[in-house]
């Protein structure tokens, strides 16, 4: 189904990231302070990046632009948005095909108008 992620895979990835974070906790709790800061920083960067990628894939699956992932950076809204990503039904294949057909029709109409404008000149 292209570049998308269904609800179950999305939830699985989020749970897996959470478990990995929990399993890595002893790494930085027992480490010297300088190492703990570095380990924490790396975990945050890698975890956040992977998480954002799964959000973008899920957005594609439900037929929404990946730019909406920016909502995850707004406190409070991010929790609502996460729930939305989990519960929203995926976009159907038929709907995707209709979008494609609409775009083709729009392009043909624009080409026709452009041709008419060129003929007027």
PDB file of N, CA and C in Angstrom:
ATOM      1  N   UNK A   1       0.821  -1.199   0.000  1.00  0.00           N
ATOM      2  CA  UNK A   1       0.000   0.000   0.000  1.00  0.00           C
ATOM      3  C   UNK A   1       0.859   1.255   0.000  1.00  0.00           C
ATOM      4  N   UNK A   2       1.957   1.248  -0.727  1.00  0.00           N
ATOM      5  CA  UNK A   2       2.754   2.455  -0.858  1.00  0.00           C
ATOM      6  C   UNK A   2       3.463   2.814   0.438  1.00  0.00           C
ATOM      7  N   UNK A   3       3.697   4.115   0.582  1.00  0.00           N
ATOM      8  CA  UNK A   3       4.378   4.601   1.782  1.00  0.00           C
ATOM      9  C   UNK A   3       3.348   4.978   2.826  1.00  0.00           C
ATOM     10  N   UNK A   4       2.968   4.035   3.611  1.00  0.00           N
ATOM     11  CA  UNK A   4       1.997   4.295   4.658  1.00  0.00           C
ATOM     12  C   UNK A   4       2.213   3.335   5.805  1.00  0.00           C
ATOM     13  N   UNK A   5       1.505   3.583   6.864  1.00  0.00           N
ATOM     14  CA  UNK A   5       1.635   2.722   8.031  1.00  0.00           C
ATOM     15  C   UNK A   5       0.256   2.578   8.640  1.00  0.00           C
ATOM     16  N   UNK A   6      -0.199   1.326   8.756  1.00  0.00           N
ATOM     17  CA  UNK A   6      -1.527   1.135   9.339  1.00  0.00           C
ATOM     18  C   UNK A   6      -1.476   1.347  10.846  1.00  0.00           C
ATOM     19  N   UNK A   7      -2.658   1.339  11.462  1.00  0.00           N
ATOM     20  CA  UNK A   7      -2.755   1.647  12.890  1.00  0.00           C
ATOM     21  C   UNK A   7      -1.971   0.679  13.762  1.00  0.00           C
ATOM     22  N   UNK A   8      -2.047  -0.597  13.434  1.00  0.00           N
ATOM     23  CA  UNK A   8      -1.376  -1.598  14.257  1.00  0.00           C
ATOM     24  C   UNK A   8       0.143  -1.436  14.208  1.00  0.00           C
ATOM     25  N   UNK A   9       0.693  -1.243  13.007  1.00  0.00           N
ATOM     26  CA  UNK A   9       2.141  -1.025  12.888  1.00  0.00           C
ATOM     27  C   UNK A   9       2.564   0.261  13.584  1.00  0.00           C
ATOM     28  N   UNK A  10       1.734   1.299  13.470  1.00  0.00           N
ATOM     29  CA  UNK A  10       2.030   2.578  14.119  1.00  0.00           C
ATOM     30  C   UNK A  10       2.095   2.400  15.635  1.00  0.00           C
ATOM     31  N   UNK A  11       1.085   1.740  16.192  1.00  0.00           N
ATOM     32  CA  UNK A  11       1.062   1.505  17.632  1.00  0.00           C
ATOM     33  C   UNK A  11       2.246   0.634  18.048  1.00  0.00           C
ATOM     34  N   UNK A  12       2.537  -0.398  17.266  1.00  0.00           N
ATOM     35  CA  UNK A  12       3.665  -1.283  17.570  1.00  0.00           C
ATOM     36  C   UNK A  12       4.989  -0.531  17.601  1.00  0.00           C
ATOM     37  N   UNK A  13       5.197   0.356  16.641  1.00  0.00           N
ATOM     38  CA  UNK A  13       6.435   1.146  16.615  1.00  0.00           C
ATOM     39  C   UNK A  13       6.538   2.058  17.824  1.00  0.00           C
ATOM     40  N   UNK A  14       5.440   2.681  18.197  1.00  0.00           N
ATOM     41  CA  UNK A  14       5.463   3.583  19.352  1.00  0.00           C
ATOM     42  C   UNK A  14       5.729   2.811  20.647  1.00  0.00           C
ATOM     43  N   UNK A  15       5.106   1.644  20.798  1.00  0.00           N
ATOM     44  CA  UNK A  15       5.332   0.818  21.988  1.00  0.00           C
ATOM     45  C   UNK A  15       6.775   0.318  22.010  1.00  0.00           C
ATOM     46  N   UNK A  16       7.285  -0.104  20.861  1.00  0.00           N
ATOM     47  CA  UNK A  16       8.664  -0.580  20.773  1.00  0.00           C
ATOM     48  C   UNK A  16       9.651   0.521  21.153  1.00  0.00           C
ATOM     49  N   UNK A  17       9.432   1.731  20.663  1.00  0.00           N
ATOM     50  CA  UNK A  17      10.303   2.853  21.034  1.00  0.00           C
ATOM     51  C   UNK A  17      10.259   3.113  22.540  1.00  0.00           C
ATOM     52  N   UNK A  18       9.079   3.023  23.115  1.00  0.00           N
ATOM     53  CA  UNK A  18       8.930   3.226  24.563  1.00  0.00           C
ATOM     54  C   UNK A  18       9.691   2.157  25.339  1.00  0.00           C
ATOM     55  N   UNK A  19       9.562   0.893  24.931  1.00  0.00           N
ATOM     56  CA  UNK A  19      10.246  -0.215  25.613  1.00  0.00           C
ATOM     57  C   UNK A  19      11.759  -0.072  25.476  1.00  0.00           C
ATOM     58  N   UNK A  20      12.229   0.306  24.286  1.00  0.00           N
ATOM     59  CA  UNK A  20      13.670   0.507  24.090  1.00  0.00           C
ATOM     60  C   UNK A  20      14.173   1.610  25.020  1.00  0.00           C
ATOM     61  N   UNK A  21      13.381   2.683  25.141  1.00  0.00           N
ATOM     62  CA  UNK A  21      13.746   3.758  26.063  1.00  0.00           C
ATOM     63  C   UNK A  21      13.852   3.272  27.490  1.00  0.00           C
ATOM     64  N   UNK A  22      12.892   2.436  27.905  1.00  0.00           N
ATOM     65  CA  UNK A  22      12.930   1.888  29.265  1.00  0.00           C
ATOM     66  C   UNK A  22      14.132   0.968  29.468  1.00  0.00           C
ATOM     67  N   UNK A  23      14.430   0.152  28.457  1.00  0.00           N
ATOM     68  CA  UNK A  23      15.559  -0.767  28.569  1.00  0.00           C
ATOM     69  C   UNK A  23      16.895  -0.031  28.594  1.00  0.00           C
ATOM     70  N   UNK A  24      16.951   1.128  27.986  1.00  0.00           N
ATOM     71  CA  UNK A  24      18.194   1.909  27.954  1.00  0.00           C
ATOM     72  C   UNK A  24      18.389   2.752  29.208  1.00  0.00           C
ATOM     73  N   UNK A  25      17.370   2.854  30.034  1.00  0.00           N
ATOM     74  CA  UNK A  25      17.457   3.674  31.243  1.00  0.00           C
ATOM     75  C   UNK A  25      18.654   3.300  32.120  1.00  0.00           C
ATOM     76  N   UNK A  26      18.921   2.007  32.366  1.00  0.00           N
ATOM     77  CA  UNK A  26      20.094   1.669  33.200  1.00  0.00           C
ATOM     78  C   UNK A  26      21.415   2.139  32.598  1.00  0.00           C
ATOM     79  N   UNK A  27      21.471   2.295  31.266  1.00  0.00           N
ATOM     80  CA  UNK A  27      22.710   2.761  30.625  1.00  0.00           C
ATOM     81  C   UNK A  27      23.122   4.125  31.143  1.00  0.00           C
ATOM     82  N   UNK A  28      22.154   5.028  31.248  1.00  0.00           N
ATOM     83  CA  UNK A  28      22.552   6.371  31.663  1.00  0.00           C
ATOM     84  C   UNK A  28      22.382   6.605  33.152  1.00  0.00           C
ATOM     85  N   UNK A  29      21.648   5.758  33.853  1.00  0.00           N
ATOM     86  CA  UNK A  29      21.555   5.917  35.307  1.00  0.00           C
ATOM     87  C   UNK A  29      22.845   5.495  35.998  1.00  0.00           C
ATOM     88  N   UNK A  30      23.493   4.464  35.464  1.00  0.00           N
ATOM     89  CA  UNK A  30      24.724   3.967  36.076  1.00  0.00           C
ATOM     90  C   UNK A  30      25.980   4.583  35.492  1.00  0.00           C
ATOM     91  N   UNK A  31      25.850   5.408  34.493  1.00  0.00           N
ATOM     92  CA  UNK A  31      27.018   5.977  33.822  1.00  0.00           C
ATOM     93  C   UNK A  31      27.474   7.253  34.526  1.00  0.00           C
ATOM     94  N   UNK A  32      28.760   7.600  34.350  1.00  0.00           N
ATOM     95  CA  UNK A  32      29.230   8.892  34.864  1.00  0.00           C
ATOM     96  C   UNK A  32      28.413  10.026  34.234  1.00  0.00           C
ATOM     97  N   UNK A  33      28.375  11.180  34.891  1.00  0.00           N
ATOM     98  CA  UNK A  33      27.492  12.273  34.467  1.00  0.00           C
ATOM     99  C   UNK A  33      27.715  12.689  33.011  1.00  0.00           C
ATOM    100  N   UNK A  34      28.975  12.812  32.584  1.00  0.00           N
ATOM    101  CA  UNK A  34      29.256  13.235  31.202  1.00  0.00           C
ATOM    102  C   UNK A  34      28.713  12.214  30.204  1.00  0.00           C
ATOM    103  N   UNK A  35      28.926  10.937  30.497  1.00  0.00           N
ATOM    104  CA  UNK A  35      28.438   9.872  29.613  1.00  0.00           C
ATOM    105  C   UNK A  35      26.907   9.802  29.627  1.00  0.00           C
ATOM    106  N   UNK A  36      26.315  10.019  30.801  1.00  0.00           N
ATOM    107  CA  UNK A  36      24.854   9.963  30.917  1.00  0.00           C
ATOM    108  C   UNK A  36      24.204  11.037  30.051  1.00  0.00           C
ATOM    109  N   UNK A  37      24.801  12.212  30.032  1.00  0.00           N
ATOM    110  CA  UNK A  37      24.260  13.308  29.204  1.00  0.00           C
ATOM    111  C   UNK A  37      24.352  12.931  27.734  1.00  0.00           C
ATOM    112  N   UNK A  38      25.491  12.383  27.315  1.00  0.00           N
ATOM    113  CA  UNK A  38      25.669  11.984  25.916  1.00  0.00           C
ATOM    114  C   UNK A  38      24.700  10.867  25.529  1.00  0.00           C
ATOM    115  N   UNK A  39      24.578   9.853  26.382  1.00  0.00           N
ATOM    116  CA  UNK A  39      23.665   8.738  26.108  1.00  0.00           C
ATOM    117  C   UNK A  39      22.229   9.240  26.026  1.00  0.00           C
ATOM    118  N   UNK A  40      21.833  10.108  26.954  1.00  0.00           N
ATOM    119  CA  UNK A  40      20.476  10.662  26.943  1.00  0.00           C
ATOM    120  C   UNK A  40      20.228  11.447  25.659  1.00  0.00           C
ATOM    121  N   UNK A  41      21.197  12.259  25.282  1.00  0.00           N
ATOM    122  CA  UNK A  41      21.073  13.070  24.069  1.00  0.00           C
ATOM    123  C   UNK A  41      20.901  12.171  22.842  1.00  0.00           C
ATOM    124  N   UNK A  42      21.734  11.144  22.733  1.00  0.00           N
ATOM    125  CA  UNK A  42      21.645  10.236  21.586  1.00  0.00           C
ATOM    126  C   UNK A  42      20.308   9.505  21.554  1.00  0.00           C
ATOM    127  N   UNK A  43      19.853   9.041  22.717  1.00  0.00           N
ATOM    128  CA  UNK A  43      18.561   8.348  22.776  1.00  0.00           C
ATOM    129  C   UNK A  43      17.420   9.276  22.352  1.00  0.00           C
ATOM    130  N   UNK A  44      17.471  10.513  22.797  1.00  0.00           N
ATOM    131  CA  UNK A  44      16.420  11.472  22.446  1.00  0.00           C
ATOM    132  C   UNK A  44      16.430  11.747  20.950  1.00  0.00           C
ATOM    133  N   UNK A  45      17.601  11.967  20.371  1.00  0.00           N
ATOM    134  CA  UNK A  45      17.705  12.271  18.932  1.00  0.00           C
ATOM    135  C   UNK A  45      17.227  11.085  18.097  1.00  0.00           C
ATOM    136  N   UNK A  46      17.746   9.900  18.387  1.00  0.00           N
ATOM    137  CA  UNK A  46      17.371   8.713  17.606  1.00  0.00           C
ATOM    138  C   UNK A  46      15.891   8.387  17.803  1.00  0.00           C
ATOM    139  N   UNK A  47      15.429   8.384  19.051  1.00  0.00           N
ATOM    140  CA  UNK A  47      14.028   8.063  19.332  1.00  0.00           C
ATOM    141  C   UNK A  47      13.073   9.055  18.690  1.00  0.00           C
ATOM    142  N   UNK A  48      13.395  10.337  18.781  1.00  0.00           N
ATOM    143  CA  UNK A  48      12.531  11.369  18.190  1.00  0.00           C
ATOM    144  C   UNK A  48      12.490  11.258  16.677  1.00  0.00           C
ATOM    145  N   UNK A  49      13.642  11.016  16.075  1.00  0.00           N
ATOM    146  CA  UNK A  49      13.706  10.899  14.616  1.00  0.00           C
ATOM    147  C   UNK A  49      12.879   9.709  14.128  1.00  0.00           C
ATOM    148  N   UNK A  50      13.076   8.563  14.747  1.00  0.00           N
ATOM    149  CA  UNK A  50      12.322   7.366  14.350  1.00  0.00           C
ATOM    150  C   UNK A  50      10.826   7.593  14.577  1.00  0.00           C
ATOM    151  N   UNK A  51      10.487   8.198  15.689  1.00  0.00           N
ATOM    152  CA  UNK A  51       9.087   8.462  16.006  1.00  0.00           C
ATOM    153  C   UNK A  51       8.454   9.394  14.966  1.00  0.00           C
ATOM    154  N   UNK A  52       9.146  10.474  14.619  1.00  0.00           N
ATOM    155  CA  UNK A  52       8.619  11.414  13.616  1.00  0.00           C
ATOM    156  C   UNK A  52       8.443  10.746  12.252  1.00  0.00           C
ATOM    157  N   UNK A  53       9.366   9.853  11.918  1.00  0.00           N
ATOM    158  CA  UNK A  53       9.246   9.129  10.642  1.00  0.00           C
ATOM    159  C   UNK A  53       7.994   8.259  10.654  1.00  0.00           C
ATOM    160  N   UNK A  54       7.726   7.583  11.786  1.00  0.00           N
ATOM    161  CA  UNK A  54       6.515   6.753  11.843  1.00  0.00           C
ATOM    162  C   UNK A  54       5.263   7.625  11.754  1.00  0.00           C
ATOM    163  N   UNK A  55       5.302   8.829  12.351  1.00  0.00           N
ATOM    164  CA  UNK A  55       4.154   9.750  12.251  1.00  0.00           C
ATOM    165  C   UNK A  55       3.913  10.139  10.789  1.00  0.00           C
ATOM    166  N   UNK A  56       4.994  10.445  10.082  1.00  0.00           N
ATOM    167  CA  UNK A  56       4.854  10.853   8.678  1.00  0.00           C
ATOM    168  C   UNK A  56       4.283   9.706   7.845  1.00  0.00           C
ATOM    169  N   UNK A  57       4.789   8.484   8.055  1.00  0.00           N
ATOM    170  CA  UNK A  57       4.250   7.334   7.325  1.00  0.00           C
ATOM    171  C   UNK A  57       2.767   7.139   7.625  1.00  0.00           C
ATOM    172  N   UNK A  58       2.394   7.325   8.888  1.00  0.00           N
ATOM    173  CA  UNK A  58       0.979   7.167   9.271  1.00  0.00           C
ATOM    174  C   UNK A  58       0.132   8.253   8.620  1.00  0.00           C
ATOM    175  N   UNK A  59       0.645   9.483   8.580  1.00  0.00           N
ATOM    176  CA  UNK A  59      -0.090  10.567   7.921  1.00  0.00           C
ATOM    177  C   UNK A  59      -0.321  10.239   6.444  1.00  0.00           C
ATOM    178  N   UNK A  60       0.688   9.695   5.789  1.00  0.00           N
ATOM    179  CA  UNK A  60       0.533   9.305   4.381  1.00  0.00           C
ATOM    180  C   UNK A  60      -0.539   8.230   4.246  1.00  0.00           C
ATOM    181  N   UNK A  61      -0.596   7.306   5.206  1.00  0.00           N
ATOM    182  CA  UNK A  61      -1.562   6.223   5.185  1.00  0.00           C
ATOM    183  C   UNK A  61      -2.998   6.735   5.288  1.00  0.00           C
ATOM    184  N   UNK A  62      -3.199   7.821   6.028  1.00  0.00           N
ATOM    185  CA  UNK A  62      -4.556   8.352   6.174  1.00  0.00           C
ATOM    186  C   UNK A  62      -4.833   9.473   5.175  1.00  0.00           C
ATOM    187  N   UNK A  63      -3.878   9.716   4.267  1.00  0.00           N
ATOM    188  CA  UNK A  63      -4.104  10.665   3.183  1.00  0.00           C
ATOM    189  C   UNK A  63      -3.912  12.119   3.551  1.00  0.00           C
ATOM    190  N   UNK A  64      -3.036  12.383   4.528  1.00  0.00           N
ATOM    191  CA  UNK A  64      -2.779  13.748   4.980  1.00  0.00           C
ATOM    192  C   UNK A  64      -1.306  14.065   4.748  1.00  0.00           C
ATOM    193  N   UNK A  65      -1.011  15.310   4.458  1.00  0.00           N
ATOM    194  CA  UNK A  65       0.360  15.747   4.222  1.00  0.00           C
ATOM    195  C   UNK A  65       1.240  15.489   5.446  1.00  0.00           C
ATOM    196  N   UNK A  66       2.466  15.071   5.178  1.00  0.00           N
ATOM    197  CA  UNK A  66       3.416  14.809   6.246  1.00  0.00           C
ATOM    198  C   UNK A  66       3.796  16.055   7.036  1.00  0.00           C
ATOM    199  N   UNK A  67       3.523  17.234   6.487  1.00  0.00           N
ATOM    200  CA  UNK A  67       3.848  18.487   7.177  1.00  0.00           C
ATOM    201  C   UNK A  67       3.070  18.634   8.484  1.00  0.00           C
ATOM    202  N   UNK A  68       1.957  17.937   8.592  1.00  0.00           N
ATOM    203  CA  UNK A  68       1.152  18.007   9.819  1.00  0.00           C
ATOM    204  C   UNK A  68       1.889  17.437  11.025  1.00  0.00           C
ATOM    205  N   UNK A  69       3.015  16.771  10.786  1.00  0.00           N
ATOM    206  CA  UNK A  69       3.803  16.211  11.885  1.00  0.00           C
ATOM    207  C   UNK A  69       4.289  17.329  12.813  1.00  0.00           C
ATOM    208  N   UNK A  70       4.318  18.557  12.329  1.00  0.00           N
ATOM    209  CA  UNK A  70       4.748  19.691  13.160  1.00  0.00           C
ATOM    210  C   UNK A  70       3.844  19.887  14.379  1.00  0.00           C
ATOM    211  N   UNK A  71       2.620  19.368  14.316  1.00  0.00           N
ATOM    212  CA  UNK A  71       1.726  19.460  15.473  1.00  0.00           C
ATOM    213  C   UNK A  71       2.278  18.711  16.685  1.00  0.00           C
ATOM    214  N   UNK A  72       3.187  17.783  16.443  1.00  0.00           N
ATOM    215  CA  UNK A  72       3.757  17.017  17.546  1.00  0.00           C
ATOM    216  C   UNK A  72       4.645  17.878  18.441  1.00  0.00           C
ATOM    217  N   UNK A  73       5.001  19.074  17.984  1.00  0.00           N
ATOM    218  CA  UNK A  73       5.861  19.948  18.775  1.00  0.00           C
ATOM    219  C   UNK A  73       5.068  20.938  19.624  1.00  0.00           C
ATOM    220  N   UNK A  74       3.734  20.854  19.591  1.00  0.00           N
ATOM    221  CA  UNK A  74       2.885  21.748  20.383  1.00  0.00           C
ATOM    222  C   UNK A  74       2.370  20.964  21.596  1.00  0.00           C
ATOM    223  N   UNK A  75       2.822  21.362  22.792  1.00  0.00           N
ATOM    224  CA  UNK A  75       2.389  20.638  23.999  1.00  0.00           C
ATOM    225  C   UNK A  75       0.862  20.622  24.130  1.00  0.00           C
ATOM    226  N   UNK A  76       0.344  19.478  24.512  1.00  0.00           N
ATOM    227  CA  UNK A  76      -1.103  19.311  24.665  1.00  0.00           C
ATOM    228  C   UNK A  76      -1.740  18.862  23.363  1.00  0.00           C
ATOM    229  N   UNK A  77      -1.475  19.601  22.302  1.00  0.00           N
ATOM    230  CA  UNK A  77      -1.992  19.235  20.969  1.00  0.00           C
ATOM    231  C   UNK A  77      -1.368  17.916  20.530  1.00  0.00           C
ATOM    232  N   UNK A  78      -0.091  17.704  20.889  1.00  0.00           N
ATOM    233  CA  UNK A  78       0.591  16.492  20.444  1.00  0.00           C
ATOM    234  C   UNK A  78      -0.099  15.218  20.938  1.00  0.00           C
ATOM    235  N   UNK A  79      -0.650  15.236  22.137  1.00  0.00           N
ATOM    236  CA  UNK A  79      -1.340  14.050  22.674  1.00  0.00           C
ATOM    237  C   UNK A  79      -2.624  13.798  21.884  1.00  0.00           C
ATOM    238  N   UNK A  80      -3.381  14.858  21.621  1.00  0.00           N
ATOM    239  CA  UNK A  80      -4.613  14.735  20.832  1.00  0.00           C
ATOM    240  C   UNK A  80      -4.284  14.254  19.423  1.00  0.00           C
ATOM    241  N   UNK A  81      -3.213  14.816  18.854  1.00  0.00           N
ATOM    242  CA  UNK A  81      -2.796  14.438  17.500  1.00  0.00           C
ATOM    243  C   UNK A  81      -2.369  12.978  17.450  1.00  0.00           C
ATOM    244  N   UNK A  82      -1.657  12.519  18.473  1.00  0.00           N
ATOM    245  CA  UNK A  82      -1.238  11.117  18.539  1.00  0.00           C
ATOM    246  C   UNK A  82      -2.451  10.187  18.572  1.00  0.00           C
ATOM    247  N   UNK A  83      -3.454  10.551  19.356  1.00  0.00           N
ATOM    248  CA  UNK A  83      -4.692   9.753  19.407  1.00  0.00           C
ATOM    249  C   UNK A  83      -5.399   9.769  18.046  1.00  0.00           C
ATOM    250  N   UNK A  84      -5.413  10.932  17.402  1.00  0.00           N
ATOM    251  CA  UNK A  84      -6.003  11.044  16.068  1.00  0.00           C
ATOM    252  C   UNK A  84      -5.300  10.101  15.097  1.00  0.00           C
ATOM    253  N   UNK A  85      -3.968  10.075  15.138  1.00  0.00           N
ATOM    254  CA  UNK A  85      -3.214   9.207  14.234  1.00  0.00           C
ATOM    255  C   UNK A  85      -3.535   7.740  14.468  1.00  0.00           C
ATOM    256  N   UNK A  86      -3.793   7.384  15.706  1.00  0.00           N
ATOM    257  CA  UNK A  86      -4.102   5.986  15.976  1.00  0.00           C
ATOM    258  C   UNK A  86      -5.508   5.611  15.526  1.00  0.00           C
ATOM    259  N   UNK A  87      -6.487   6.481  15.760  1.00  0.00           N
ATOM    260  CA  UNK A  87      -7.877   6.109  15.507  1.00  0.00           C
ATOM    261  C   UNK A  87      -8.373   6.416  14.097  1.00  0.00           C
ATOM    262  N   UNK A  88      -7.688   7.260  13.346  1.00  0.00           N
ATOM    263  CA  UNK A  88      -8.162   7.644  12.006  1.00  0.00           C
ATOM    264  C   UNK A  88      -8.069   6.458  11.046  1.00  0.00           C
ATOM    265  N   UNK A  89      -9.147   6.254  10.304  1.00  0.00           N
ATOM    266  CA  UNK A  89      -9.168   5.185   9.296  1.00  0.00           C
ATOM    267  C   UNK A  89      -8.199   5.506   8.157  1.00  0.00           C
ATOM    268  N   UNK A  90      -7.567   4.494   7.571  1.00  0.00           N
ATOM    269  CA  UNK A  90      -6.673   4.755   6.434  1.00  0.00           C
ATOM    270  C   UNK A  90      -7.467   5.202   5.208  1.00  0.00           C
ATOM    271  N   UNK A  91      -6.794   5.914   4.337  1.00  0.00           N
ATOM    272  CA  UNK A  91      -7.419   6.353   3.098  1.00  0.00           C
ATOM    273  C   UNK A  91      -7.580   5.140   2.183  1.00  0.00           C
ATOM    274  N   UNK A  92      -8.744   5.006   1.594  1.00  0.00           N
ATOM    275  CA  UNK A  92      -9.001   3.852   0.730  1.00  0.00           C
ATOM    276  C   UNK A  92      -8.281   3.998  -0.608  1.00  0.00           C
ATOM    277  N   UNK A  93      -8.044   2.875  -1.242  1.00  0.00           N
ATOM    278  CA  UNK A  93      -7.390   2.861  -2.551  1.00  0.00           C
ATOM    279  C   UNK A  93      -8.247   3.631  -3.555  1.00  0.00           C
ATOM    280  N   UNK A  94      -9.579   3.463  -3.467  1.00  0.00           N
ATOM    281  CA  UNK A  94     -10.479   4.153  -4.394  1.00  0.00           C
ATOM    282  C   UNK A  94     -10.348   5.663  -4.249  1.00  0.00           C
ATOM    283  N   UNK A  95     -10.247   6.122  -3.017  1.00  0.00           N
ATOM    284  CA  UNK A  95     -10.129   7.562  -2.778  1.00  0.00           C
ATOM    285  C   UNK A  95      -8.812   8.091  -3.343  1.00  0.00           C
ATOM    286  N   UNK A  96      -7.746   7.316  -3.192  1.00  0.00           N
ATOM    287  CA  UNK A  96      -6.455   7.716  -3.749  1.00  0.00           C
ATOM    288  C   UNK A  96      -6.530   7.795  -5.268  1.00  0.00           C
ATOM    289  N   UNK A  97      -7.208   6.815  -5.879  1.00  0.00           N
ATOM    290  CA  UNK A  97      -7.345   6.826  -7.332  1.00  0.00           C
ATOM    291  C   UNK A  97      -8.163   8.026  -7.797  1.00  0.00           C
ATOM    292  N   UNK A  98      -9.227   8.365  -7.052  1.00  0.00           N
ATOM    293  CA  UNK A  98     -10.034   9.534  -7.394  1.00  0.00           C
ATOM    294  C   UNK A  98      -9.226  10.817  -7.307  1.00  0.00           C
ATOM    295  N   UNK A  99      -8.374  10.922  -6.288  1.00  0.00           N
ATOM    296  CA  UNK A  99      -7.510  12.097  -6.160  1.00  0.00           C
ATOM    297  C   UNK A  99      -6.599  12.211  -7.375  1.00  0.00           C
ATOM    298  N   UNK A 100      -6.039  11.079  -7.778  1.00  0.00           N
ATOM    299  CA  UNK A 100      -5.163  11.063  -8.950  1.00  0.00           C
ATOM    300  C   UNK A 100      -5.896  11.489 -10.209  1.00  0.00           C
ATOM    301  N   UNK A 101      -7.130  10.979 -10.379  1.00  0.00           N
ATOM    302  CA  UNK A 101      -7.924  11.360 -11.544  1.00  0.00           C
ATOM    303  C   UNK A 101      -8.261  12.849 -11.524  1.00  0.00           C
ATOM    304  N   UNK A 102      -8.607  13.366 -10.353  1.00  0.00           N
ATOM    305  CA  UNK A 102      -8.916  14.796 -10.239  1.00  0.00           C
ATOM    306  C   UNK A 102      -7.711  15.643 -10.637  1.00  0.00           C
ATOM    307  N   UNK A 103      -6.541  15.243 -10.189  1.00  0.00           N
ATOM    308  CA  UNK A 103      -5.328  15.985 -10.540  1.00  0.00           C
ATOM    309  C   UNK A 103      -5.096  15.965 -12.040  1.00  0.00           C
ATOM    310  N   UNK A 104      -5.285  14.796 -12.660  1.00  0.00           N
ATOM    311  CA  UNK A 104      -5.102  14.700 -14.109  1.00  0.00           C
ATOM    312  C   UNK A 104      -6.091  15.591 -14.847  1.00  0.00           C
ATOM    313  N   UNK A 105      -7.344  15.603 -14.383  1.00  0.00           N
ATOM    314  CA  UNK A 105      -8.368  16.444 -15.010  1.00  0.00           C
ATOM    315  C   UNK A 105      -8.013  17.917 -14.858  1.00  0.00           C
ATOM    316  N   UNK A 106      -7.575  18.299 -13.652  1.00  0.00           N
ATOM    317  CA  UNK A 106      -7.189  19.688 -13.410  1.00  0.00           C
ATOM    318  C   UNK A 106      -6.033  20.090 -14.313  1.00  0.00           C
ATOM    319  N   UNK A 107      -5.067  19.203 -14.474  1.00  0.00           N
ATOM    320  CA  UNK A 107      -3.911  19.496 -15.326  1.00  0.00           C
ATOM    321  C   UNK A 107      -4.364  19.672 -16.773  1.00  0.00           C
ATOM    322  N   UNK A 108      -5.273  18.781 -17.255  1.00  0.00           N
ATOM    323  CA  UNK A 108      -5.784  18.907 -18.629  1.00  0.00           C
ATOM    324  C   UNK A 108      -6.512  20.229 -18.812  1.00  0.00           C
ATOM    325  N   UNK A 109      -7.331  20.611 -17.823  1.00  0.00           N
ATOM    326  CA  UNK A 109      -8.062  21.871 -17.916  1.00  0.00           C
ATOM    327  C   UNK A 109      -7.113  23.061 -17.932  1.00  0.00           C
ATOM    328  N   UNK A 110      -6.085  23.019 -17.117  1.00  0.00           N
ATOM    329  CA  UNK A 110      -5.098  24.097 -17.101  1.00  0.00           C
ATOM    330  C   UNK A 110      -4.342  24.188 -18.420  1.00  0.00           C
ATOM    331  N   UNK A 111      -3.994  23.030 -18.986  1.00  0.00           N
ATOM    332  CA  UNK A 111      -3.308  23.024 -20.283  1.00  0.00           C
ATOM    333  C   UNK A 111      -4.214  23.610 -21.363  1.00  0.00           C
ATOM    334  N   UNK A 112      -5.498  23.258 -21.300  1.00  0.00           N
ATOM    335  CA  UNK A 112      -6.461  23.769 -22.282  1.00  0.00           C
ATOM    336  C   UNK A 112      -6.578  25.289 -22.166  1.00  0.00           C
ATOM    337  N   UNK A 113      -6.687  25.806 -20.937  1.00  0.00           N
ATOM    338  CA  UNK A 113      -6.780  27.249 -20.727  1.00  0.00           C
ATOM    339  C   UNK A 113      -5.515  27.951 -21.190  1.00  0.00           C
ATOM    340  N   UNK A 114      -4.350  27.344 -20.925  1.00  0.00           N
ATOM    341  CA  UNK A 114      -3.082  27.910 -21.355  1.00  0.00           C
ATOM    342  C   UNK A 114      -3.014  27.984 -22.874  1.00  0.00           C
ATOM    343  N   UNK A 115      -3.478  26.937 -23.526  1.00  0.00           N
ATOM    344  CA  UNK A 115      -3.486  26.895 -24.990  1.00  0.00           C
ATOM    345  C   UNK A 115      -4.404  28.000 -25.528  1.00  0.00           C
ATOM    346  N   UNK A 116      -5.574  28.173 -24.913  1.00  0.00           N
ATOM    347  CA  UNK A 116      -6.505  29.221 -25.336  1.00  0.00           C
ATOM    348  C   UNK A 116      -5.884  30.593 -25.168  1.00  0.00           C
ATOM    349  N   UNK A 117      -5.187  30.816 -24.062  1.00  0.00           N
ATOM    350  CA  UNK A 117      -4.524  32.101 -23.819  1.00  0.00           C
ATOM    351  C   UNK A 117      -3.431  32.354 -24.837  1.00  0.00           C
ATOM    352  N   UNK A 118      -2.686  31.316 -25.181  1.00  0.00           N
ATOM    353  CA  UNK A 118      -1.610  31.458 -26.181  1.00  0.00           C
ATOM    354  C   UNK A 118      -2.192  31.772 -27.542  1.00  0.00           C
ATOM    355  N   UNK A 119      -3.352  31.202 -27.884  1.00  0.00           N
ATOM    356  CA  UNK A 119      -3.986  31.447 -29.175  1.00  0.00           C
ATOM    357  C   UNK A 119      -4.539  32.855 -29.264  1.00  0.00           C
ATOM    358  N   UNK A 120      -4.954  33.413 -28.115  1.00  0.00           N
ATOM    359  CA  UNK A 120      -5.494  34.767 -28.093  1.00  0.00           C
ATOM    360  C   UNK A 120      -4.412  35.799 -28.405  1.00  0.00           C
ATOM    361  N   UNK A 121      -3.183  35.506 -28.033  1.00  0.00           N
ATOM    362  CA  UNK A 121      -2.100  36.468 -28.216  1.00  0.00           C
ATOM    363  C   UNK A 121      -1.650  36.583 -29.613  1.00  0.00           C
TER     364      UNK A 121
END
